[in-house]
Full PDB file with SEQRES, HELIX, SHEET, SSBOND, CRYST1, ORIGX, SCALE, CONECT and MASTER records, all heavy atoms in Angstrom:
SEQRES   1 A   32  ARG VAL VAL PHE VAL ALA GLY ALA ARG GLN VAL GLY LYS          
SEQRES   2 A   32  THR THR LEU THR ARG GLU ILE ALA ALA GLY GLU HIS PRO          
SEQRES   3 A   32  MET THR ILE LEU SER LEU                                      
HELIX    1 AA1 LYS A   13  ALA A   22  1                                  10    
CRYST1    1.000    1.000    1.000  90.00  90.00  90.00 P 1           1          
ORIGX1      1.000000  0.000000  0.000000        0.00000                         
ORIGX2      0.000000  1.000000  0.000000        0.00000                         
ORIGX3      0.000000  0.000000  1.000000        0.00000                         
SCALE1      1.000000  0.000000  0.000000        0.00000                         
SCALE2      0.000000  1.000000  0.000000        0.00000                         
SCALE3      0.000000  0.000000  1.000000        0.00000                         
ATOM      1  N   ARG A   1     109.602  87.262  86.088  1.00  0.00           N  
ATOM      2  CA  ARG A   1     108.621  87.000  87.153  1.00  0.00           C  
ATOM      3  C   ARG A   1     109.204  86.267  88.351  1.00  0.00           C  
ATOM      4  O   ARG A   1     108.770  86.464  89.475  1.00  0.00           O  
ATOM      5  CB  ARG A   1     107.456  86.180  86.605  1.00  0.00           C  
ATOM      6  CG  ARG A   1     106.607  86.949  85.658  1.00  0.00           C  
ATOM      7  CD  ARG A   1     105.453  86.090  85.224  1.00  0.00           C  
ATOM      8  NE  ARG A   1     104.635  86.808  84.271  1.00  0.00           N  
ATOM      9  CZ  ARG A   1     103.521  86.343  83.766  1.00  0.00           C  
ATOM     10  NH1 ARG A   1     103.101  85.152  84.115  1.00  0.00           N  
ATOM     11  NH2 ARG A   1     102.836  87.049  82.920  1.00  0.00           N  
ATOM     12  N   VAL A   2     110.143  85.393  88.093  1.00  0.00           N  
ATOM     13  CA  VAL A   2     110.724  84.590  89.170  1.00  0.00           C  
ATOM     14  C   VAL A   2     112.227  84.761  89.150  1.00  0.00           C  
ATOM     15  O   VAL A   2     112.860  84.639  88.103  1.00  0.00           O  
ATOM     16  CB  VAL A   2     110.379  83.086  88.999  1.00  0.00           C  
ATOM     17  CG1 VAL A   2     111.071  82.250  90.052  1.00  0.00           C  
ATOM     18  CG2 VAL A   2     108.878  82.879  89.027  1.00  0.00           C  
ATOM     19  N   VAL A   3     112.790  85.050  90.311  1.00  0.00           N  
ATOM     20  CA  VAL A   3     114.241  85.165  90.444  1.00  0.00           C  
ATOM     21  C   VAL A   3     114.655  84.252  91.585  1.00  0.00           C  
ATOM     22  O   VAL A   3     114.099  84.317  92.678  1.00  0.00           O  
ATOM     23  CB  VAL A   3     114.669  86.619  90.735  1.00  0.00           C  
ATOM     24  CG1 VAL A   3     116.157  86.701  90.979  1.00  0.00           C  
ATOM     25  CG2 VAL A   3     114.261  87.546  89.599  1.00  0.00           C  
ATOM     26  N   PHE A   4     115.603  83.401  91.321  1.00  0.00           N  
ATOM     27  CA  PHE A   4     116.110  82.455  92.313  1.00  0.00           C  
ATOM     28  C   PHE A   4     117.302  83.081  93.012  1.00  0.00           C  
ATOM     29  O   PHE A   4     118.248  83.523  92.365  1.00  0.00           O  
ATOM     30  CB  PHE A   4     116.508  81.151  91.617  1.00  0.00           C  
ATOM     31  CG  PHE A   4     117.081  80.112  92.542  1.00  0.00           C  
ATOM     32  CD1 PHE A   4     116.274  79.473  93.463  1.00  0.00           C  
ATOM     33  CD2 PHE A   4     118.406  79.772  92.475  1.00  0.00           C  
ATOM     34  CE1 PHE A   4     116.796  78.506  94.307  1.00  0.00           C  
ATOM     35  CE2 PHE A   4     118.942  78.801  93.304  1.00  0.00           C  
ATOM     36  CZ  PHE A   4     118.132  78.170  94.232  1.00  0.00           C  
ATOM     37  N   VAL A   5     117.262  83.134  94.333  1.00  0.00           N  
ATOM     38  CA  VAL A   5     118.360  83.692  95.123  1.00  0.00           C  
ATOM     39  C   VAL A   5     119.000  82.541  95.884  1.00  0.00           C  
ATOM     40  O   VAL A   5     118.344  81.885  96.697  1.00  0.00           O  
ATOM     41  CB  VAL A   5     117.847  84.774  96.102  1.00  0.00           C  
ATOM     42  CG1 VAL A   5     118.993  85.312  96.941  1.00  0.00           C  
ATOM     43  CG2 VAL A   5     117.153  85.895  95.340  1.00  0.00           C  
ATOM     44  N   ALA A   6     120.268  82.291  95.605  1.00  0.00           N  
ATOM     45  CA  ALA A   6     120.978  81.189  96.256  1.00  0.00           C  
ATOM     46  C   ALA A   6     122.262  81.716  96.885  1.00  0.00           C  
ATOM     47  O   ALA A   6     122.809  82.726  96.453  1.00  0.00           O  
ATOM     48  CB  ALA A   6     121.321  80.103  95.239  1.00  0.00           C  
ATOM     49  N   GLY A   7     122.722  81.032  97.891  1.00  0.00           N  
ATOM     50  CA  GLY A   7     123.970  81.426  98.529  1.00  0.00           C  
ATOM     51  C   GLY A   7     124.183  80.617  99.786  1.00  0.00           C  
ATOM     52  O   GLY A   7     123.346  79.801 100.180  1.00  0.00           O  
ATOM     53  N   ALA A   8     125.298  80.879 100.419  1.00  0.00           N  
ATOM     54  CA  ALA A   8     125.649  80.172 101.652  1.00  0.00           C  
ATOM     55  C   ALA A   8     124.659  80.512 102.761  1.00  0.00           C  
ATOM     56  O   ALA A   8     123.908  81.489 102.672  1.00  0.00           O  
ATOM     57  CB  ALA A   8     127.065  80.570 102.074  1.00  0.00           C  
ATOM     58  N   ARG A   9     124.675  79.719 103.799  1.00  0.00           N  
ATOM     59  CA  ARG A   9     123.801  79.968 104.950  1.00  0.00           C  
ATOM     60  C   ARG A   9     124.198  81.264 105.645  1.00  0.00           C  
ATOM     61  O   ARG A   9     125.373  81.628 105.688  1.00  0.00           O  
ATOM     62  CB  ARG A   9     123.932  78.818 105.954  1.00  0.00           C  
ATOM     63  CG  ARG A   9     123.426  77.498 105.409  1.00  0.00           C  
ATOM     64  CD  ARG A   9     123.527  76.375 106.448  1.00  0.00           C  
ATOM     65  NE  ARG A   9     122.550  76.594 107.505  1.00  0.00           N  
ATOM     66  CZ  ARG A   9     122.865  76.691 108.793  1.00  0.00           C  
ATOM     67  NH1 ARG A   9     124.111  76.570 109.181  1.00  0.00           N  
ATOM     68  NH2 ARG A   9     121.932  76.889 109.700  1.00  0.00           N  
ATOM     69  N   GLN A  10     123.186  81.946 106.177  1.00  0.00           N  
ATOM     70  CA  GLN A  10     123.400  83.114 107.037  1.00  0.00           C  
ATOM     71  C   GLN A  10     124.078  84.303 106.351  1.00  0.00           C  
ATOM     72  O   GLN A  10     124.815  85.052 106.989  1.00  0.00           O  
ATOM     73  CB  GLN A  10     124.220  82.705 108.280  1.00  0.00           C  
ATOM     74  CG  GLN A  10     123.597  81.606 109.102  1.00  0.00           C  
ATOM     75  CD  GLN A  10     122.335  82.077 109.815  1.00  0.00           C  
ATOM     76  OE1 GLN A  10     122.333  83.103 110.454  1.00  0.00           O  
ATOM     77  NE2 GLN A  10     121.259  81.323 109.658  1.00  0.00           N  
ATOM     78  N   VAL A  11     123.838  84.490 105.058  1.00  0.00           N  
ATOM     79  CA  VAL A  11     124.451  85.631 104.368  1.00  0.00           C  
ATOM     80  C   VAL A  11     123.454  86.743 104.056  1.00  0.00           C  
ATOM     81  O   VAL A  11     123.841  87.769 103.509  1.00  0.00           O  
ATOM     82  CB  VAL A  11     125.185  85.204 103.064  1.00  0.00           C  
ATOM     83  CG1 VAL A  11     126.337  84.278 103.376  1.00  0.00           C  
ATOM     84  CG2 VAL A  11     124.225  84.581 102.069  1.00  0.00           C  
ATOM     85  N   GLY A  12     122.168  86.541 104.384  1.00  0.00           N  
ATOM     86  CA  GLY A  12     121.181  87.596 104.212  1.00  0.00           C  
ATOM     87  C   GLY A  12     120.216  87.435 103.056  1.00  0.00           C  
ATOM     88  O   GLY A  12     119.543  88.392 102.675  1.00  0.00           O  
ATOM     89  N   LYS A  13     120.111  86.240 102.495  1.00  0.00           N  
ATOM     90  CA  LYS A  13     119.200  86.013 101.349  1.00  0.00           C  
ATOM     91  C   LYS A  13     117.754  86.309 101.732  1.00  0.00           C  
ATOM     92  O   LYS A  13     117.060  87.051 101.043  1.00  0.00           O  
ATOM     93  CB  LYS A  13     119.313  84.570 100.849  1.00  0.00           C  
ATOM     94  CG  LYS A  13     120.680  84.166 100.363  1.00  0.00           C  
ATOM     95  CD  LYS A  13     120.724  82.699  99.965  1.00  0.00           C  
ATOM     96  CE  LYS A  13     120.402  81.749 101.076  1.00  0.00           C  
ATOM     97  NZ  LYS A  13     121.386  81.651 102.150  1.00  0.00           N  
ATOM     98  N   THR A  14     117.306  85.744 102.822  1.00  0.00           N  
ATOM     99  CA  THR A  14     115.919  85.934 103.255  1.00  0.00           C  
ATOM    100  C   THR A  14     115.669  87.380 103.646  1.00  0.00           C  
ATOM    101  O   THR A  14     114.650  87.975 103.276  1.00  0.00           O  
ATOM    102  CB  THR A  14     115.590  84.991 104.422  1.00  0.00           C  
ATOM    103  OG1 THR A  14     115.777  83.645 103.996  1.00  0.00           O  
ATOM    104  CG2 THR A  14     114.160  85.174 104.898  1.00  0.00           C  
ATOM    105  N   THR A  15     116.588  87.972 104.367  1.00  0.00           N  
ATOM    106  CA  THR A  15     116.439  89.372 104.778  1.00  0.00           C  
ATOM    107  C   THR A  15     116.327  90.276 103.563  1.00  0.00           C  
ATOM    108  O   THR A  15     115.447  91.139 103.494  1.00  0.00           O  
ATOM    109  CB  THR A  15     117.629  89.797 105.653  1.00  0.00           C  
ATOM    110  OG1 THR A  15     117.671  88.957 106.815  1.00  0.00           O  
ATOM    111  CG2 THR A  15     117.514  91.244 106.076  1.00  0.00           C  
ATOM    112  N   LEU A  16     117.179  90.085 102.579  1.00  0.00           N  
ATOM    113  CA  LEU A  16     117.151  90.907 101.371  1.00  0.00           C  
ATOM    114  C   LEU A  16     115.838  90.740 100.616  1.00  0.00           C  
ATOM    115  O   LEU A  16     115.200  91.732 100.239  1.00  0.00           O  
ATOM    116  CB  LEU A  16     118.329  90.549 100.460  1.00  0.00           C  
ATOM    117  CG  LEU A  16     118.358  91.245  99.103  1.00  0.00           C  
ATOM    118  CD1 LEU A  16     118.435  92.752  99.266  1.00  0.00           C  
ATOM    119  CD2 LEU A  16     119.529  90.731  98.276  1.00  0.00           C  
ATOM    120  N   THR A  17     115.407  89.507 100.403  1.00  0.00           N  
ATOM    121  CA  THR A  17     114.175  89.300  99.641  1.00  0.00           C  
ATOM    122  C   THR A  17     112.962  89.835 100.397  1.00  0.00           C  
ATOM    123  O   THR A  17     112.066  90.427  99.784  1.00  0.00           O  
ATOM    124  CB  THR A  17     113.974  87.816  99.284  1.00  0.00           C  
ATOM    125  OG1 THR A  17     114.031  87.021 100.463  1.00  0.00           O  
ATOM    126  CG2 THR A  17     115.027  87.340  98.306  1.00  0.00           C  
ATOM    127  N   ARG A  18     112.936  89.693 101.689  1.00  0.00           N  
ATOM    128  CA  ARG A  18     111.804  90.229 102.463  1.00  0.00           C  
ATOM    129  C   ARG A  18     111.803  91.754 102.470  1.00  0.00           C  
ATOM    130  O   ARG A  18     110.736  92.372 102.428  1.00  0.00           O  
ATOM    131  CB  ARG A  18     111.819  89.680 103.879  1.00  0.00           C  
ATOM    132  CG  ARG A  18     111.413  88.225 103.890  1.00  0.00           C  
ATOM    133  CD  ARG A  18     111.239  87.673 105.259  1.00  0.00           C  
ATOM    134  NE  ARG A  18     110.814  86.275 105.115  1.00  0.00           N  
ATOM    135  CZ  ARG A  18     110.735  85.444 106.105  1.00  0.00           C  
ATOM    136  NH1 ARG A  18     111.032  85.814 107.324  1.00  0.00           N  
ATOM    137  NH2 ARG A  18     110.348  84.203 105.899  1.00  0.00           N  
ATOM    138  N   GLU A  19     112.964  92.380 102.511  1.00  0.00           N  
ATOM    139  CA  GLU A  19     113.048  93.846 102.430  1.00  0.00           C  
ATOM    140  C   GLU A  19     112.473  94.334 101.109  1.00  0.00           C  
ATOM    141  O   GLU A  19     111.696  95.287 101.072  1.00  0.00           O  
ATOM    142  CB  GLU A  19     114.502  94.311 102.509  1.00  0.00           C  
ATOM    143  CG  GLU A  19     115.082  94.383 103.876  1.00  0.00           C  
ATOM    144  CD  GLU A  19     116.533  94.843 103.818  1.00  0.00           C  
ATOM    145  OE1 GLU A  19     117.026  95.227 102.728  1.00  0.00           O  
ATOM    146  OE2 GLU A  19     117.185  94.819 104.863  1.00  0.00           O  
ATOM    147  N   ILE A  20     112.870  93.698 100.024  1.00  0.00           N  
ATOM    148  CA  ILE A  20     112.399  94.098  98.696  1.00  0.00           C  
ATOM    149  C   ILE A  20     110.895  93.845  98.569  1.00  0.00           C  
ATOM    150  O   ILE A  20     110.159  94.681  98.039  1.00  0.00           O  
ATOM    151  CB  ILE A  20     113.203  93.386  97.597  1.00  0.00           C  
ATOM    152  CG1 ILE A  20     114.638  93.924  97.595  1.00  0.00           C  
ATOM    153  CG2 ILE A  20     112.552  93.566  96.230  1.00  0.00           C  
ATOM    154  CD1 ILE A  20     115.595  93.179  96.701  1.00  0.00           C  
ATOM    155  N   ALA A  21     110.425  92.713  99.088  1.00  0.00           N  
ATOM    156  CA  ALA A  21     109.000  92.383  99.009  1.00  0.00           C  
ATOM    157  C   ALA A  21     108.152  93.356  99.823  1.00  0.00           C  
ATOM    158  O   ALA A  21     107.005  93.623  99.484  1.00  0.00           O  
ATOM    159  CB  ALA A  21     108.768  90.960  99.499  1.00  0.00           C  
ATOM    160  N   ALA A  22     108.699  93.888 100.898  1.00  0.00           N  
ATOM    161  CA  ALA A  22     107.962  94.819 101.742  1.00  0.00           C  
ATOM    162  C   ALA A  22     108.055  96.249 101.234  1.00  0.00           C  
ATOM    163  O   ALA A  22     107.323  97.117 101.698  1.00  0.00           O  
ATOM    164  CB  ALA A  22     108.499  94.752 103.169  1.00  0.00           C  
ATOM    165  N   GLY A  23     108.937  96.488 100.274  1.00  0.00           N  
ATOM    166  CA  GLY A  23     109.163  97.846  99.811  1.00  0.00           C  
ATOM    167  C   GLY A  23     108.882  98.050  98.352  1.00  0.00           C  
ATOM    168  O   GLY A  23     107.736  98.017  97.910  1.00  0.00           O  
ATOM    169  N   GLU A  24     109.949  98.212  97.588  1.00  0.00           N  
ATOM    170  CA  GLU A  24     109.825  98.658  96.206  1.00  0.00           C  
ATOM    171  C   GLU A  24     109.296  97.635  95.211  1.00  0.00           C  
ATOM    172  O   GLU A  24     108.950  97.980  94.092  1.00  0.00           O  
ATOM    173  CB  GLU A  24     111.156  99.223  95.689  1.00  0.00           C  
ATOM    174  CG  GLU A  24     112.310  98.239  95.679  1.00  0.00           C  
ATOM    175  CD  GLU A  24     113.169  98.295  96.908  1.00  0.00           C  
ATOM    176  OE1 GLU A  24     112.655  98.204  98.027  1.00  0.00           O  
ATOM    177  OE2 GLU A  24     114.394  98.412  96.750  1.00  0.00           O  
ATOM    178  N   HIS A  25     109.213  96.369  95.572  1.00  0.00           N  
ATOM    179  CA  HIS A  25     108.727  95.359  94.631  1.00  0.00           C  
ATOM    180  C   HIS A  25     107.885  94.325  95.378  1.00  0.00           C  
ATOM    181  O   HIS A  25     108.360  93.220  95.667  1.00  0.00           O  
ATOM    182  CB  HIS A  25     109.906  94.678  93.939  1.00  0.00           C  
ATOM    183  CG  HIS A  25     109.557  94.022  92.657  1.00  0.00           C  
ATOM    184  ND1 HIS A  25     108.647  92.998  92.562  1.00  0.00           N  
ATOM    185  CD2 HIS A  25     109.973  94.243  91.402  1.00  0.00           C  
ATOM    186  CE1 HIS A  25     108.542  92.615  91.308  1.00  0.00           C  
ATOM    187  NE2 HIS A  25     109.337  93.361  90.594  1.00  0.00           N  
ATOM    188  N   PRO A  26     106.630  94.655  95.691  1.00  0.00           N  
ATOM    189  CA  PRO A  26     105.789  93.720  96.448  1.00  0.00           C  
ATOM    190  C   PRO A  26     105.675  92.363  95.747  1.00  0.00           C  
ATOM    191  O   PRO A  26     105.511  92.305  94.527  1.00  0.00           O  
ATOM    192  CB  PRO A  26     104.426  94.414  96.495  1.00  0.00           C  
ATOM    193  CG  PRO A  26     104.723  95.851  96.255  1.00  0.00           C  
ATOM    194  CD  PRO A  26     105.924  95.877  95.355  1.00  0.00           C  
ATOM    195  N   MET A  27     105.797  91.299  96.507  1.00  0.00           N  
ATOM    196  CA  MET A  27     105.732  89.950  95.947  1.00  0.00           C  
ATOM    197  C   MET A  27     105.376  88.957  97.029  1.00  0.00           C  
ATOM    198  O   MET A  27     105.416  89.281  98.207  1.00  0.00           O  
ATOM    199  CB  MET A  27     107.075  89.580  95.325  1.00  0.00           C  
ATOM    200  CG  MET A  27     108.198  89.440  96.340  1.00  0.00           C  
ATOM    201  SD  MET A  27     109.790  89.111  95.618  1.00  0.00           S  
ATOM    202  CE  MET A  27     110.510  90.741  95.713  1.00  0.00           C  
ATOM    203  N   THR A  28     105.048  87.767  96.597  1.00  0.00           N  
ATOM    204  CA  THR A  28     104.808  86.660  97.518  1.00  0.00           C  
ATOM    205  C   THR A  28     106.105  85.882  97.653  1.00  0.00           C  
ATOM    206  O   THR A  28     106.733  85.539  96.664  1.00  0.00           O  
ATOM    207  CB  THR A  28     103.711  85.726  96.955  1.00  0.00           C  
ATOM    208  OG1 THR A  28     102.518  86.482  96.788  1.00  0.00           O  
ATOM    209  CG2 THR A  28     103.462  84.555  97.887  1.00  0.00           C  
ATOM    210  N   ILE A  29     106.497  85.628  98.874  1.00  0.00           N  
ATOM    211  CA  ILE A  29     107.700  84.841  99.132  1.00  0.00           C  
ATOM    212  C   ILE A  29     107.268  83.492  99.695  1.00  0.00           C  
ATOM    213  O   ILE A  29     106.496  83.433 100.643  1.00  0.00           O  
ATOM    214  CB  ILE A  29     108.634  85.542 100.125  1.00  0.00           C  
ATOM    215  CG1 ILE A  29     109.135  86.857  99.543  1.00  0.00           C  
ATOM    216  CG2 ILE A  29     109.796  84.636 100.499  1.00  0.00           C  
ATOM    217  CD1 ILE A  29     109.989  87.652 100.500  1.00  0.00           C  
ATOM    218  N   LEU A  30     107.759  82.429  99.090  1.00  0.00           N  
ATOM    219  CA  LEU A  30     107.471  81.078  99.568  1.00  0.00           C  
ATOM    220  C   LEU A  30     108.773  80.410  99.951  1.00  0.00           C  
ATOM    221  O   LEU A  30     109.765  80.516  99.235  1.00  0.00           O  
ATOM    222  CB  LEU A  30     106.800  80.256  98.468  1.00  0.00           C  
ATOM    223  CG  LEU A  30     105.489  80.794  97.937  1.00  0.00           C  
ATOM    224  CD1 LEU A  30     105.035  79.980  96.734  1.00  0.00           C  
ATOM    225  CD2 LEU A  30     104.437  80.767  99.020  1.00  0.00           C  
ATOM    226  N   SER A  31     108.770  79.709 101.057  1.00  0.00           N  
ATOM    227  CA  SER A  31     109.943  78.959 101.472  1.00  0.00           C  
ATOM    228  C   SER A  31     109.587  77.483 101.553  1.00  0.00           C  
ATOM    229  O   SER A  31     108.698  77.095 102.313  1.00  0.00           O  
ATOM    230  CB  SER A  31     110.455  79.438 102.824  1.00  0.00           C  
ATOM    231  OG  SER A  31     111.500  78.590 103.260  1.00  0.00           O  
ATOM    232  N   LEU A  32     110.278  76.690 100.794  1.00  0.00           N  
ATOM    233  CA  LEU A  32     110.055  75.245 100.848  1.00  0.00           C  
ATOM    234  C   LEU A  32     110.767  74.617 102.042  1.00  0.00           C  
ATOM    235  O   LEU A  32     110.721  73.410 102.236  1.00  0.00           O  
ATOM    236  CB  LEU A  32     110.473  74.598  99.532  1.00  0.00           C  
ATOM    237  CG  LEU A  32     109.667  75.065  98.321  1.00  0.00           C  
ATOM    238  CD1 LEU A  32     110.172  74.397  97.054  1.00  0.00           C  
ATOM    239  CD2 LEU A  32     108.185  74.824  98.496  1.00  0.00           C  
TER     240      LEU A  32                                                      
MASTER        0    0    0    1    0    0    0    6  239    1    0    3          
END                                                                             
């Protein structure tokens, strides 16, 4: 249900998760 995506700044973490959420795996994305 929950997958944590971590990595260096500016490598595309947010872009990747938003692409997936908008496409093949709809989900709620929260940013603390």
